[in-house]
Amino acid sequence: MNERKRNKKRPSYRTPPFSGGKKRQTSPPIYDNADMMQLFHVSGRTLQRWRKEGIVPYKKIGGKIFYLAEDVLKMMRKGDDAKE
Protein backbone atom coordinates (compact mmCIF):
# COMPACT_ATOMS: atom_id res chain seq x y z
CA MET A 1 0.00 0.00 0.00
CA ASN A 2 0.94 3.63 -0.28
CA GLU A 3 2.31 4.88 2.98
CA ARG A 4 3.26 8.52 3.12
CA LYS A 5 6.22 9.68 5.07
CA ARG A 6 5.09 12.07 7.75
CA ASN A 7 7.02 15.23 8.32
CA LYS A 8 7.79 15.31 12.05
CA LYS A 9 7.82 19.12 12.13
CA ARG A 10 4.31 19.37 10.73
CA PRO A 11 1.41 18.70 13.12
CA SER A 12 -1.03 15.99 12.14
CA TYR A 13 -3.97 18.28 12.83
CA ARG A 14 -4.94 21.72 11.66
CA THR A 15 -5.70 24.63 13.94
CA PRO A 16 -8.18 27.34 12.99
CA PRO A 17 -6.26 30.31 11.58
CA PHE A 18 -8.13 32.87 13.71
CA SER A 19 -8.50 31.09 17.03
CA GLY A 20 -8.20 33.64 19.81
CA GLY A 21 -6.91 37.14 19.40
CA LYS A 22 -8.72 39.79 17.41
CA LYS A 23 -11.92 38.94 15.61
CA ARG A 24 -11.73 39.05 11.87
CA GLN A 25 -13.92 41.66 10.24
CA THR A 26 -16.40 39.97 7.96
CA SER A 27 -18.64 41.34 5.28
CA PRO A 28 -22.41 41.14 5.73
CA PRO A 29 -24.03 37.99 4.36
CA ILE A 30 -25.30 38.31 0.81
CA TYR A 31 -27.50 36.25 -1.49
CA ASP A 32 -27.35 35.88 -5.24
CA ASN A 33 -30.26 35.05 -7.57
CA ALA A 34 -29.93 31.30 -7.03
CA ASP A 35 -30.06 31.73 -3.25
CA MET A 36 -33.12 33.98 -3.46
CA MET A 37 -34.93 31.61 -5.83
CA GLN A 38 -34.34 28.75 -3.41
CA LEU A 39 -35.20 30.81 -0.33
CA PHE A 40 -38.54 32.11 -1.64
CA HIS A 41 -39.38 29.25 -4.04
CA VAL A 42 -39.80 31.64 -6.97
CA SER A 43 -38.47 31.80 -10.50
CA GLY A 44 -35.77 34.09 -11.81
CA ARG A 45 -38.42 36.03 -13.71
CA THR A 46 -40.32 36.69 -10.47
CA LEU A 47 -37.15 38.07 -8.89
CA GLN A 48 -36.68 40.29 -11.94
CA ARG A 49 -40.22 41.62 -11.52
CA TRP A 50 -39.67 42.21 -7.78
CA ARG A 51 -36.53 44.21 -8.58
CA LYS A 52 -38.35 46.27 -11.22
CA GLU A 53 -41.25 47.01 -8.85
CA GLY A 54 -38.88 47.89 -6.00
CA ILE A 55 -40.13 45.06 -3.78
CA VAL A 56 -36.65 43.78 -3.02
CA PRO A 57 -33.53 46.01 -2.85
CA TYR A 58 -30.47 44.76 -4.72
CA LYS A 59 -26.94 45.66 -5.76
CA LYS A 60 -25.45 44.98 -9.16
CA ILE A 61 -21.73 44.28 -9.13
CA GLY A 62 -19.92 43.40 -12.32
CA GLY A 63 -23.11 42.30 -14.05
CA LYS A 64 -24.16 40.00 -11.20
CA ILE A 65 -27.05 40.81 -8.88
CA PHE A 66 -26.72 40.49 -5.11
CA TYR A 67 -29.14 40.96 -2.24
CA LEU A 68 -28.00 41.93 1.27
CA ALA A 69 -29.38 39.49 3.84
CA GLU A 70 -30.27 42.41 6.12
CA ASP A 71 -32.42 43.99 3.37
CA VAL A 72 -34.12 40.66 2.67
CA LEU A 73 -34.99 40.27 6.36
CA LYS A 74 -36.42 43.81 6.44
CA MET A 75 -38.52 43.00 3.37
CA MET A 76 -39.83 39.84 5.03
CA ARG A 77 -40.67 41.69 8.27
CA LYS A 78 -42.42 44.42 6.30
CA GLY A 79 -44.57 41.74 4.66
CA ASP A 80 -45.46 40.30 8.08
CA ASP A 81 -46.52 43.74 9.34
CA ALA A 82 -48.85 44.21 6.37
CA LYS A 83 -50.75 41.02 7.24
CA GLU A 84 -51.63 42.23 10.74
PDB file of N, CA and C in Angstrom:
ATOM      1  N   MET A   1       0.829  -1.181   0.000  1.00  0.00           N
ATOM      2  CA  MET A   1       0.000   0.000   0.000  1.00  0.00           C
ATOM      3  C   MET A   1       0.880   1.252   0.000  1.00  0.00           C
ATOM      4  N   ASN A   2       0.253   2.344  -0.302  1.00  0.00           N
ATOM      5  CA  ASN A   2       0.938   3.630  -0.278  1.00  0.00           C
ATOM      6  C   ASN A   2       0.996   4.171   1.138  1.00  0.00           C
ATOM      7  N   GLU A   3       2.153   4.273   1.667  1.00  0.00           N
ATOM      8  CA  GLU A   3       2.309   4.883   2.983  1.00  0.00           C
ATOM      9  C   GLU A   3       3.133   6.143   2.813  1.00  0.00           C
ATOM     10  N   ARG A   4       2.569   7.246   3.262  1.00  0.00           N
ATOM     11  CA  ARG A   4       3.258   8.519   3.119  1.00  0.00           C
ATOM     12  C   ARG A   4       4.183   8.742   4.299  1.00  0.00           C
ATOM     13  N   LYS A   5       5.307   9.312   3.994  1.00  0.00           N
ATOM     14  CA  LYS A   5       6.223   9.676   5.067  1.00  0.00           C
ATOM     15  C   LYS A   5       5.691  10.944   5.727  1.00  0.00           C
ATOM     16  N   ARG A   6       5.593  10.909   7.014  1.00  0.00           N
ATOM     17  CA  ARG A   6       5.094  12.070   7.745  1.00  0.00           C
ATOM     18  C   ARG A   6       6.262  12.979   8.127  1.00  0.00           C
ATOM     19  N   ASN A   7       6.051  14.231   7.919  1.00  0.00           N
ATOM     20  CA  ASN A   7       7.023  15.228   8.320  1.00  0.00           C
ATOM     21  C   ASN A   7       6.848  15.458   9.818  1.00  0.00           C
ATOM     22  N   LYS A   8       7.876  15.218  10.584  1.00  0.00           N
ATOM     23  CA  LYS A   8       7.789  15.314  12.045  1.00  0.00           C
ATOM     24  C   LYS A   8       7.564  16.750  12.522  1.00  0.00           C
ATOM     25  N   LYS A   9       7.992  17.729  11.733  1.00  0.00           N
ATOM     26  CA  LYS A   9       7.823  19.121  12.129  1.00  0.00           C
ATOM     27  C   LYS A   9       6.387  19.603  11.916  1.00  0.00           C
ATOM     28  N   ARG A  10       5.660  18.945  11.069  1.00  0.00           N
ATOM     29  CA  ARG A  10       4.307  19.366  10.735  1.00  0.00           C
ATOM     30  C   ARG A  10       3.310  18.645  11.634  1.00  0.00           C
ATOM     31  N   PRO A  11       2.395  19.376  12.269  1.00  0.00           N
ATOM     32  CA  PRO A  11       1.413  18.705  13.123  1.00  0.00           C
ATOM     33  C   PRO A  11       0.439  17.888  12.281  1.00  0.00           C
ATOM     34  N   SER A  12      -0.112  16.854  12.876  1.00  0.00           N
ATOM     35  CA  SER A  12      -1.029  15.988  12.141  1.00  0.00           C
ATOM     36  C   SER A  12      -2.456  16.517  12.176  1.00  0.00           C
ATOM     37  N   TYR A  13      -2.652  17.659  12.761  1.00  0.00           N
ATOM     38  CA  TYR A  13      -3.973  18.278  12.832  1.00  0.00           C
ATOM     39  C   TYR A  13      -3.841  19.727  12.393  1.00  0.00           C
ATOM     40  N   ARG A  14      -4.953  20.324  12.082  1.00  0.00           N
ATOM     41  CA  ARG A  14      -4.936  21.725  11.663  1.00  0.00           C
ATOM     42  C   ARG A  14      -5.638  22.568  12.718  1.00  0.00           C
ATOM     43  N   THR A  15      -5.077  23.716  12.989  1.00  0.00           N
ATOM     44  CA  THR A  15      -5.701  24.628  13.940  1.00  0.00           C
ATOM     45  C   THR A  15      -6.402  25.734  13.166  1.00  0.00           C
ATOM     46  N   PRO A  16      -7.508  26.238  13.685  1.00  0.00           N
ATOM     47  CA  PRO A  16      -8.178  27.338  12.989  1.00  0.00           C
ATOM     48  C   PRO A  16      -7.253  28.548  12.903  1.00  0.00           C
ATOM     49  N   PRO A  17      -7.206  29.211  11.758  1.00  0.00           N
ATOM     50  CA  PRO A  17      -6.264  30.309  11.582  1.00  0.00           C
ATOM     51  C   PRO A  17      -6.547  31.513  12.472  1.00  0.00           C
ATOM     52  N   PHE A  18      -7.789  31.692  12.923  1.00  0.00           N
ATOM     53  CA  PHE A  18      -8.134  32.866  13.705  1.00  0.00           C
ATOM     54  C   PHE A  18      -8.619  32.497  15.098  1.00  0.00           C
ATOM     55  N   SER A  19      -8.071  31.453  15.684  1.00  0.00           N
ATOM     56  CA  SER A  19      -8.499  31.094  17.031  1.00  0.00           C
ATOM     57  C   SER A  19      -7.866  32.055  18.028  1.00  0.00           C
ATOM     58  N   GLY A  20      -8.698  32.685  18.823  1.00  0.00           N
ATOM     59  CA  GLY A  20      -8.201  33.641  19.807  1.00  0.00           C
ATOM     60  C   GLY A  20      -7.782  34.939  19.147  1.00  0.00           C
ATOM     61  N   GLY A  21      -7.373  35.878  19.941  1.00  0.00           N
ATOM     62  CA  GLY A  21      -6.907  37.145  19.397  1.00  0.00           C
ATOM     63  C   GLY A  21      -8.046  37.998  18.878  1.00  0.00           C
ATOM     64  N   LYS A  22      -7.719  38.883  17.960  1.00  0.00           N
ATOM     65  CA  LYS A  22      -8.722  39.790  17.410  1.00  0.00           C
ATOM     66  C   LYS A  22      -9.695  39.040  16.509  1.00  0.00           C
ATOM     67  N   LYS A  23     -10.937  39.526  16.515  1.00  0.00           N
ATOM     68  CA  LYS A  23     -11.925  38.939  15.614  1.00  0.00           C
ATOM     69  C   LYS A  23     -11.705  39.493  14.214  1.00  0.00           C
ATOM     70  N   ARG A  24     -11.893  38.651  13.257  1.00  0.00           N
ATOM     71  CA  ARG A  24     -11.729  39.046  11.868  1.00  0.00           C
ATOM     72  C   ARG A  24     -12.974  39.795  11.408  1.00  0.00           C
ATOM     73  N   GLN A  25     -12.787  40.901  10.740  1.00  0.00           N
ATOM     74  CA  GLN A  25     -13.916  41.659  10.244  1.00  0.00           C
ATOM     75  C   GLN A  25     -14.483  40.937   9.027  1.00  0.00           C
ATOM     76  N   THR A  26     -15.775  40.679   9.068  1.00  0.00           N
ATOM     77  CA  THR A  26     -16.399  39.974   7.962  1.00  0.00           C
ATOM     78  C   THR A  26     -17.394  40.881   7.265  1.00  0.00           C
ATOM     79  N   SER A  27     -17.651  40.578   6.020  1.00  0.00           N
ATOM     80  CA  SER A  27     -18.641  41.339   5.277  1.00  0.00           C
ATOM     81  C   SER A  27     -20.031  40.801   5.607  1.00  0.00           C
ATOM     82  N   PRO A  28     -21.058  41.618   5.424  1.00  0.00           N
ATOM     83  CA  PRO A  28     -22.406  41.141   5.732  1.00  0.00           C
ATOM     84  C   PRO A  28     -22.799  40.018   4.778  1.00  0.00           C
ATOM     85  N   PRO A  29     -23.633  39.087   5.243  1.00  0.00           N
ATOM     86  CA  PRO A  29     -24.030  37.986   4.362  1.00  0.00           C
ATOM     87  C   PRO A  29     -24.839  38.501   3.172  1.00  0.00           C
ATOM     88  N   ILE A  30     -24.583  37.908   2.029  1.00  0.00           N
ATOM     89  CA  ILE A  30     -25.297  38.311   0.814  1.00  0.00           C
ATOM     90  C   ILE A  30     -25.867  37.082   0.120  1.00  0.00           C
ATOM     91  N   TYR A  31     -26.891  37.304  -0.680  1.00  0.00           N
ATOM     92  CA  TYR A  31     -27.503  36.252  -1.488  1.00  0.00           C
ATOM     93  C   TYR A  31     -27.363  36.626  -2.956  1.00  0.00           C
ATOM     94  N   ASP A  32     -27.284  35.622  -3.807  1.00  0.00           N
ATOM     95  CA  ASP A  32     -27.353  35.878  -5.239  1.00  0.00           C
ATOM     96  C   ASP A  32     -28.722  35.394  -5.725  1.00  0.00           C
ATOM     97  N   ASN A  33     -28.950  35.445  -7.040  1.00  0.00           N
ATOM     98  CA  ASN A  33     -30.258  35.054  -7.573  1.00  0.00           C
ATOM     99  C   ASN A  33     -30.617  33.613  -7.226  1.00  0.00           C
ATOM    100  N   ALA A  34     -29.656  32.712  -7.322  1.00  0.00           N
ATOM    101  CA  ALA A  34     -29.931  31.301  -7.032  1.00  0.00           C
ATOM    102  C   ALA A  34     -30.358  31.114  -5.579  1.00  0.00           C
ATOM    103  N   ASP A  35     -29.687  31.812  -4.662  1.00  0.00           N
ATOM    104  CA  ASP A  35     -30.056  31.728  -3.248  1.00  0.00           C
ATOM    105  C   ASP A  35     -31.472  32.243  -3.021  1.00  0.00           C
ATOM    106  N   MET A  36     -31.797  33.377  -3.638  1.00  0.00           N
ATOM    107  CA  MET A  36     -33.122  33.978  -3.461  1.00  0.00           C
ATOM    108  C   MET A  36     -34.215  33.094  -4.053  1.00  0.00           C
ATOM    109  N   MET A  37     -33.942  32.496  -5.211  1.00  0.00           N
ATOM    110  CA  MET A  37     -34.931  31.610  -5.831  1.00  0.00           C
ATOM    111  C   MET A  37     -35.213  30.422  -4.926  1.00  0.00           C
ATOM    112  N   GLN A  38     -34.182  29.884  -4.309  1.00  0.00           N
ATOM    113  CA  GLN A  38     -34.343  28.745  -3.415  1.00  0.00           C
ATOM    114  C   GLN A  38     -35.010  29.168  -2.107  1.00  0.00           C
ATOM    115  N   LEU A  39     -34.660  30.328  -1.595  1.00  0.00           N
ATOM    116  CA  LEU A  39     -35.199  30.808  -0.328  1.00  0.00           C
ATOM    117  C   LEU A  39     -36.700  31.085  -0.414  1.00  0.00           C
ATOM    118  N   PHE A  40     -37.134  31.717  -1.506  1.00  0.00           N
ATOM    119  CA  PHE A  40     -38.536  32.110  -1.642  1.00  0.00           C
ATOM    120  C   PHE A  40     -39.349  31.186  -2.547  1.00  0.00           C
ATOM    121  N   HIS A  41     -38.711  30.186  -3.127  1.00  0.00           N
ATOM    122  CA  HIS A  41     -39.385  29.247  -4.036  1.00  0.00           C
ATOM    123  C   HIS A  41     -40.070  30.002  -5.182  1.00  0.00           C
ATOM    124  N   VAL A  42     -39.304  30.874  -5.832  1.00  0.00           N
ATOM    125  CA  VAL A  42     -39.805  31.640  -6.967  1.00  0.00           C
ATOM    126  C   VAL A  42     -38.852  31.461  -8.143  1.00  0.00           C
ATOM    127  N   SER A  43     -39.303  31.896  -9.310  1.00  0.00           N
ATOM    128  CA  SER A  43     -38.467  31.801 -10.504  1.00  0.00           C
ATOM    129  C   SER A  43     -37.584  33.039 -10.630  1.00  0.00           C
ATOM    130  N   GLY A  44     -36.645  32.959 -11.543  1.00  0.00           N
ATOM    131  CA  GLY A  44     -35.772  34.094 -11.809  1.00  0.00           C
ATOM    132  C   GLY A  44     -36.551  35.277 -12.363  1.00  0.00           C
ATOM    133  N   ARG A  45     -37.576  34.972 -13.147  1.00  0.00           N
ATOM    134  CA  ARG A  45     -38.423  36.030 -13.713  1.00  0.00           C
ATOM    135  C   ARG A  45     -39.181  36.771 -12.612  1.00  0.00           C
ATOM    136  N   THR A  46     -39.626  36.050 -11.590  1.00  0.00           N
ATOM    137  CA  THR A  46     -40.318  36.688 -10.465  1.00  0.00           C
ATOM    138  C   THR A  46     -39.373  37.629  -9.734  1.00  0.00           C
ATOM    139  N   LEU A  47     -38.133  37.194  -9.526  1.00  0.00           N
ATOM    140  CA  LEU A  47     -37.146  38.071  -8.890  1.00  0.00           C
ATOM    141  C   LEU A  47     -36.904  39.318  -9.733  1.00  0.00           C
ATOM    142  N   GLN A  48     -36.874  39.154 -11.041  1.00  0.00           N
ATOM    143  CA  GLN A  48     -36.678  40.291 -11.936  1.00  0.00           C
ATOM    144  C   GLN A  48     -37.838  41.278 -11.785  1.00  0.00           C
ATOM    145  N   ARG A  49     -39.051  40.769 -11.695  1.00  0.00           N
ATOM    146  CA  ARG A  49     -40.224  41.621 -11.518  1.00  0.00           C
ATOM    147  C   ARG A  49     -40.174  42.330 -10.166  1.00  0.00           C
ATOM    148  N   TRP A  50     -39.785  41.602  -9.110  1.00  0.00           N
ATOM    149  CA  TRP A  50     -39.668  42.205  -7.778  1.00  0.00           C
ATOM    150  C   TRP A  50     -38.653  43.345  -7.785  1.00  0.00           C
ATOM    151  N   ARG A  51     -37.538  43.153  -8.495  1.00  0.00           N
ATOM    152  CA  ARG A  51     -36.529  44.209  -8.581  1.00  0.00           C
ATOM    153  C   ARG A  51     -37.092  45.427  -9.308  1.00  0.00           C
ATOM    154  N   LYS A  52     -37.783  45.182 -10.414  1.00  0.00           N
ATOM    155  CA  LYS A  52     -38.349  46.267 -11.219  1.00  0.00           C
ATOM    156  C   LYS A  52     -39.383  47.060 -10.428  1.00  0.00           C
ATOM    157  N   GLU A  53     -40.193  46.355  -9.630  1.00  0.00           N
ATOM    158  CA  GLU A  53     -41.248  47.008  -8.853  1.00  0.00           C
ATOM    159  C   GLU A  53     -40.733  47.574  -7.530  1.00  0.00           C
ATOM    160  N   GLY A  54     -39.465  47.357  -7.226  1.00  0.00           N
ATOM    161  CA  GLY A  54     -38.880  47.887  -5.998  1.00  0.00           C
ATOM    162  C   GLY A  54     -39.264  47.110  -4.756  1.00  0.00           C
ATOM    163  N   ILE A  55     -39.717  45.883  -4.921  1.00  0.00           N
ATOM    164  CA  ILE A  55     -40.127  45.057  -3.780  1.00  0.00           C
ATOM    165  C   ILE A  55     -38.916  44.603  -2.987  1.00  0.00           C
ATOM    166  N   VAL A  56     -37.858  44.255  -3.697  1.00  0.00           N
ATOM    167  CA  VAL A  56     -36.646  43.778  -3.024  1.00  0.00           C
ATOM    168  C   VAL A  56     -35.456  44.643  -3.461  1.00  0.00           C
ATOM    169  N   PRO A  57     -34.719  45.217  -2.493  1.00  0.00           N
ATOM    170  CA  PRO A  57     -33.534  46.006  -2.852  1.00  0.00           C
ATOM    171  C   PRO A  57     -32.381  45.097  -3.277  1.00  0.00           C
ATOM    172  N   TYR A  58     -31.577  45.578  -4.202  1.00  0.00           N
ATOM    173  CA  TYR A  58     -30.474  44.764  -4.715  1.00  0.00           C
ATOM    174  C   TYR A  58     -29.295  45.644  -5.092  1.00  0.00           C
ATOM    175  N   LYS A  59     -28.156  44.998  -5.286  1.00  0.00           N
ATOM    176  CA  LYS A  59     -26.939  45.662  -5.757  1.00  0.00           C
ATOM    177  C   LYS A  59     -26.445  44.892  -6.970  1.00  0.00           C
ATOM    178  N   LYS A  60     -25.999  45.616  -7.969  1.00  0.00           N
ATOM    179  CA  LYS A  60     -25.447  44.978  -9.161  1.00  0.00           C
ATOM    180  C   LYS A  60     -23.947  45.242  -9.181  1.00  0.00           C
ATOM    181  N   ILE A  61     -23.181  44.168  -9.144  1.00  0.00           N
ATOM    182  CA  ILE A  61     -21.725  44.285  -9.127  1.00  0.00           C
ATOM    183  C   ILE A  61     -21.164  43.448 -10.267  1.00  0.00           C
ATOM    184  N   GLY A  62     -20.535  44.104 -11.199  1.00  0.00           N
ATOM    185  CA  GLY A  62     -19.924  43.403 -12.323  1.00  0.00           C
ATOM    186  C   GLY A  62     -20.902  42.566 -13.124  1.00  0.00           C
ATOM    187  N   GLY A  63     -22.125  43.029 -13.267  1.00  0.00           N
ATOM    188  CA  GLY A  63     -23.114  42.299 -14.045  1.00  0.00           C
ATOM    189  C   GLY A  63     -23.858  41.231 -13.267  1.00  0.00           C
ATOM    190  N   LYS A  64     -23.473  40.993 -12.026  1.00  0.00           N
ATOM    191  CA  LYS A  64     -24.159  39.996 -11.201  1.00  0.00           C
ATOM    192  C   LYS A  64     -24.965  40.716 -10.127  1.00  0.00           C
ATOM    193  N   ILE A  65     -26.139  40.177  -9.823  1.00  0.00           N
ATOM    194  CA  ILE A  65     -27.048  40.808  -8.875  1.00  0.00           C
ATOM    195  C   ILE A  65     -26.931  40.138  -7.518  1.00  0.00           C
ATOM    196  N   PHE A  66     -26.821  40.972  -6.482  1.00  0.00           N
ATOM    197  CA  PHE A  66     -26.720  40.485  -5.107  1.00  0.00           C
ATOM    198  C   PHE A  66     -27.764  41.163  -4.238  1.00  0.00           C
ATOM    199  N   TYR A  67     -28.164  40.453  -3.192  1.00  0.00           N
ATOM    200  CA  TYR A  67     -29.138  40.965  -2.238  1.00  0.00           C
ATOM    201  C   TYR A  67     -28.516  40.864  -0.849  1.00  0.00           C
ATOM    202  N   LEU A  68     -28.507  41.960  -0.094  1.00  0.00           N
ATOM    203  CA  LEU A  68     -27.997  41.926   1.272  1.00  0.00           C
ATOM    204  C   LEU A  68     -28.998  41.190   2.152  1.00  0.00           C
ATOM    205  N   ALA A  69     -28.511  40.281   2.974  1.00  0.00           N
ATOM    206  CA  ALA A  69     -29.383  39.488   3.838  1.00  0.00           C
ATOM    207  C   ALA A  69     -30.187  40.398   4.763  1.00  0.00           C
ATOM    208  N   GLU A  70     -29.580  41.465   5.229  1.00  0.00           N
ATOM    209  CA  GLU A  70     -30.269  42.412   6.116  1.00  0.00           C
ATOM    210  C   GLU A  70     -31.480  43.033   5.411  1.00  0.00           C
ATOM    211  N   ASP A  71     -31.311  43.407   4.133  1.00  0.00           N
ATOM    212  CA  ASP A  71     -32.418  43.986   3.368  1.00  0.00           C
ATOM    213  C   ASP A  71     -33.522  42.964   3.128  1.00  0.00           C
ATOM    214  N   VAL A  72     -33.134  41.727   2.894  1.00  0.00           N
ATOM    215  CA  VAL A  72     -34.116  40.662   2.668  1.00  0.00           C
ATOM    216  C   VAL A  72     -34.935  40.436   3.935  1.00  0.00           C
ATOM    217  N   LEU A  73     -34.272  40.434   5.096  1.00  0.00           N
ATOM    218  CA  LEU A  73     -34.992  40.271   6.362  1.00  0.00           C
ATOM    219  C   LEU A  73     -35.959  41.425   6.601  1.00  0.00           C
ATOM    220  N   LYS A  74     -35.527  42.652   6.293  1.00  0.00           N
ATOM    221  CA  LYS A  74     -36.417  43.811   6.436  1.00  0.00           C
ATOM    222  C   LYS A  74     -37.641  43.654   5.542  1.00  0.00           C
ATOM    223  N   MET A  75     -37.416  43.195   4.307  1.00  0.00           N
ATOM    224  CA  MET A  75     -38.516  42.997   3.373  1.00  0.00           C
ATOM    225  C   MET A  75     -39.500  41.962   3.916  1.00  0.00           C
ATOM    226  N   MET A  76     -38.973  40.888   4.490  1.00  0.00           N
ATOM    227  CA  MET A  76     -39.831  39.837   5.027  1.00  0.00           C
ATOM    228  C   MET A  76     -40.615  40.352   6.233  1.00  0.00           C
ATOM    229  N   ARG A  77     -39.972  41.131   7.098  1.00  0.00           N
ATOM    230  CA  ARG A  77     -40.669  41.689   8.267  1.00  0.00           C
ATOM    231  C   ARG A  77     -41.746  42.673   7.834  1.00  0.00           C
ATOM    232  N   LYS A  78     -41.453  43.461   6.810  1.00  0.00           N
ATOM    233  CA  LYS A  78     -42.421  44.421   6.296  1.00  0.00           C
ATOM    234  C   LYS A  78     -43.658  43.688   5.778  1.00  0.00           C
ATOM    235  N   GLY A  79     -43.452  42.544   5.147  1.00  0.00           N
ATOM    236  CA  GLY A  79     -44.570  41.737   4.663  1.00  0.00           C
ATOM    237  C   GLY A  79     -45.399  41.178   5.801  1.00  0.00           C
ATOM    238  N   ASP A  80     -44.740  40.802   6.909  1.00  0.00           N
ATOM    239  CA  ASP A  80     -45.461  40.298   8.082  1.00  0.00           C
ATOM    240  C   ASP A  80     -46.299  41.393   8.717  1.00  0.00           C
ATOM    241  N   ASP A  81     -45.781  42.623   8.751  1.00  0.00           N
ATOM    242  CA  ASP A  81     -46.517  43.742   9.342  1.00  0.00           C
ATOM    243  C   ASP A  81     -47.766  44.074   8.533  1.00  0.00           C
ATOM    244  N   ALA A  82     -47.709  43.897   7.229  1.00  0.00           N
ATOM    245  CA  ALA A  82     -48.848  44.211   6.366  1.00  0.00           C
ATOM    246  C   ALA A  82     -50.005  43.250   6.598  1.00  0.00           C
ATOM    247  N   LYS A  83     -49.704  42.024   7.017  1.00  0.00           N
ATOM    248  CA  LYS A  83     -50.752  41.024   7.239  1.00  0.00           C
ATOM    249  C   LYS A  83     -51.561  41.304   8.496  1.00  0.00           C
ATOM    250  N   GLU A  84     -50.955  41.998   9.455  1.00  0.00           N
ATOM    251  CA  GLU A  84     -51.628  42.227  10.738  1.00  0.00           C
ATOM    252  C   GLU A  84     -52.658  43.311  10.672  1.00  0.00           C
TER     253      GLU A  84
END
